[in-house]
């Protein structure tokens, strides 16, 4: 069975773009040529979408946001405040339930969440603690690529 990764490879686009085109995401801005390549690749590979039965209640997934700063410090630092608000807004649009923690790593998260967004400058020791939870981690404003974790950072050198 064809996967989104297979389609992305054949169409020479990202998996996220394939997903958004196949789910008819109206907020996605792609050229008709790209859309056509994706749909053609899906057709060539015999891609079929899994349909969930309407008899089941839609499961709401939980994600955790762990911030490096305290709640009080966040109010003094509009940078981290705006990052968190943007993440929370998009997560809510995607129907994720958000668990928010400030300057604390709750080890009870292991069973509750499908992933953790970590905002701020985490130490190697803190990253190791987060890894012990066994969940997918994405770091914002911490360069964690060498530790094998996806991250979002600002490229100050090329930003000018």
Protein backbone atom coordinates (compact mmCIF):
# COMPACT_ATOMS: atom_id res chain seq x y z
CA UNK A 1 0.00 0.00 0.00
CA UNK A 2 1.28 3.46 -0.93
CA UNK A 3 2.21 5.86 1.85
CA UNK A 4 2.38 9.64 2.00
CA UNK A 5 6.16 9.28 2.01
CA UNK A 6 6.02 7.31 -1.27
CA UNK A 7 3.85 9.97 -2.87
CA UNK A 8 6.08 12.78 -1.59
CA UNK A 9 9.15 11.09 -3.02
CA UNK A 10 7.58 10.56 -6.44
CA UNK A 11 6.10 14.08 -6.57
CA UNK A 12 9.30 15.64 -5.16
CA UNK A 13 7.52 17.52 -2.37
CA UNK A 14 7.34 17.23 1.42
CA UNK A 15 5.13 14.72 3.20
CA UNK A 16 3.30 17.63 4.84
CA UNK A 17 2.44 19.10 1.42
CA UNK A 18 1.14 15.72 0.23
CA UNK A 19 -1.02 15.38 3.33
CA UNK A 20 -2.46 18.87 2.99
CA UNK A 21 -3.22 18.46 -0.73
CA UNK A 22 -4.87 15.06 -0.25
CA UNK A 23 -6.92 16.45 2.65
CA UNK A 24 -7.94 19.44 0.50
CA UNK A 25 -6.51 21.99 2.93
CA UNK A 26 -7.85 25.29 1.62
CA UNK A 27 -5.23 27.30 3.51
CA UNK A 28 -2.41 25.65 1.53
CA UNK A 29 -0.96 27.71 -1.29
CA UNK A 30 0.58 25.45 -3.95
CA UNK A 31 0.74 25.75 -7.71
CA UNK A 32 -1.65 23.74 -9.82
CA UNK A 33 1.39 21.94 -11.25
CA UNK A 34 2.44 20.78 -7.77
CA UNK A 35 -1.12 19.76 -6.90
CA UNK A 36 -1.32 17.81 -10.17
CA UNK A 37 2.03 16.07 -9.51
CA UNK A 38 0.83 14.97 -6.08
CA UNK A 39 -2.55 13.70 -7.29
CA UNK A 40 -0.94 11.93 -10.25
CA UNK A 41 1.65 10.28 -7.99
CA UNK A 42 -1.09 9.16 -5.59
CA UNK A 43 -3.05 7.69 -8.49
CA UNK A 44 0.00 5.96 -10.01
CA UNK A 45 0.89 4.41 -6.66
CA UNK A 46 -2.69 3.29 -6.00
CA UNK A 47 -3.01 5.35 -2.83
CA UNK A 48 -6.23 4.83 -0.90
CA UNK A 49 -7.15 6.87 2.10
CA UNK A 50 -8.12 5.10 5.31
CA UNK A 51 -11.65 6.05 6.26
CA UNK A 52 -12.50 5.97 9.93
CA UNK A 53 -15.88 4.58 10.84
CA UNK A 54 -18.44 7.18 11.80
CA UNK A 55 -19.54 5.00 14.72
CA UNK A 56 -16.49 5.86 16.79
CA UNK A 57 -16.13 9.01 18.82
CA UNK A 58 -13.33 11.17 17.45
CA UNK A 59 -10.37 10.88 19.78
CA UNK A 60 -8.92 14.19 20.85
CA UNK A 61 -5.16 14.01 21.06
CA UNK A 62 -3.22 15.77 23.77
CA UNK A 63 0.09 17.52 23.33
CA UNK A 64 2.19 19.11 26.03
CA UNK A 65 3.91 22.45 25.85
CA UNK A 66 6.80 22.70 28.29
CA UNK A 67 8.37 26.12 28.61
CA UNK A 68 11.86 26.83 29.80
CA UNK A 69 10.76 30.07 31.47
CA UNK A 70 8.39 30.47 34.39
CA UNK A 71 4.89 31.82 33.85
CA UNK A 72 5.91 35.14 35.41
CA UNK A 73 9.03 35.42 33.23
CA UNK A 74 6.97 34.67 30.14
CA UNK A 75 4.81 37.72 30.80
CA UNK A 76 7.99 39.83 30.86
CA UNK A 77 9.29 38.26 27.63
CA UNK A 78 6.88 38.87 24.75
CA UNK A 79 9.07 36.68 22.49
CA UNK A 80 8.26 33.42 24.27
CA UNK A 81 4.71 34.54 24.99
CA UNK A 82 3.98 35.05 21.29
CA UNK A 83 5.61 31.76 20.33
CA UNK A 84 3.40 29.90 22.80
CA UNK A 85 0.24 31.71 21.70
CA UNK A 86 0.96 30.91 18.05
CA UNK A 87 1.53 27.24 18.83
CA UNK A 88 -1.60 27.03 20.97
CA UNK A 89 -3.72 28.73 18.31
CA UNK A 90 -2.63 26.29 15.60
CA UNK A 91 -2.96 23.28 17.90
CA UNK A 92 -6.53 24.28 18.73
CA UNK A 93 -7.32 24.71 15.03
CA UNK A 94 -6.12 21.13 14.55
CA UNK A 95 -8.28 19.99 17.48
CA UNK A 96 -5.43 19.11 19.84
CA UNK A 97 -5.91 19.42 23.55
CA UNK A 98 -3.03 21.32 25.14
CA UNK A 99 -1.39 20.64 28.49
CA UNK A 100 0.85 23.55 29.46
CA UNK A 101 3.76 23.48 31.89
CA UNK A 102 6.17 26.23 32.88
CA UNK A 103 9.75 25.45 33.89
CA UNK A 104 8.75 21.96 35.00
CA UNK A 105 9.02 18.48 33.52
CA UNK A 106 6.07 16.43 34.77
CA UNK A 107 7.01 12.77 34.53
CA UNK A 108 3.34 11.77 34.60
CA UNK A 109 3.08 12.92 30.97
CA UNK A 110 4.25 9.58 29.61
CA UNK A 111 0.75 8.14 29.34
CA UNK A 112 -1.20 11.31 28.60
CA UNK A 113 0.28 12.92 25.50
CA UNK A 114 1.27 11.99 21.97
CA UNK A 115 4.09 14.54 21.81
CA UNK A 116 5.81 17.40 23.58
CA UNK A 117 6.72 20.87 22.31
CA UNK A 118 9.60 22.33 24.29
CA UNK A 119 9.92 26.12 24.11
CA UNK A 120 13.14 27.80 25.23
CA UNK A 121 16.80 27.09 25.96
CA UNK A 122 16.89 23.63 27.53
CA UNK A 123 20.10 22.23 29.00
CA UNK A 124 21.51 18.87 27.93
CA UNK A 125 20.40 17.48 31.32
CA UNK A 126 16.84 18.72 30.79
CA UNK A 127 16.79 17.25 27.27
CA UNK A 128 17.88 13.88 28.71
CA UNK A 129 15.03 14.09 31.25
CA UNK A 130 12.57 14.85 28.45
CA UNK A 131 13.91 11.96 26.36
CA UNK A 132 13.22 9.60 29.28
CA UNK A 133 9.49 10.26 28.83
CA UNK A 134 9.60 8.29 25.58
CA UNK A 135 7.53 10.79 23.59
CA UNK A 136 8.15 12.68 20.36
CA UNK A 137 9.91 15.93 21.15
CA UNK A 138 10.09 19.12 19.08
CA UNK A 139 12.18 22.02 20.37
CA UNK A 140 11.51 25.68 19.67
CA UNK A 141 14.44 28.08 20.17
CA UNK A 142 16.86 25.28 21.13
CA UNK A 143 19.13 23.79 18.48
CA UNK A 144 18.74 20.08 19.16
CA UNK A 145 19.52 18.61 15.73
CA UNK A 146 22.77 17.08 16.98
CA UNK A 147 20.80 15.28 19.70
CA UNK A 148 18.47 13.90 17.01
CA UNK A 149 15.42 16.04 17.74
CA UNK A 150 13.57 18.29 15.32
CA UNK A 151 13.78 21.95 16.20
CA UNK A 152 12.68 25.39 15.11
CA UNK A 153 15.26 28.13 15.56
CA UNK A 154 15.87 31.62 14.28
CA UNK A 155 18.60 32.07 11.68
CA UNK A 156 19.86 35.46 12.82
CA UNK A 157 22.70 35.40 10.30
CA UNK A 158 20.38 35.15 7.29
CA UNK A 159 17.51 37.11 8.81
CA UNK A 160 19.03 40.47 7.96
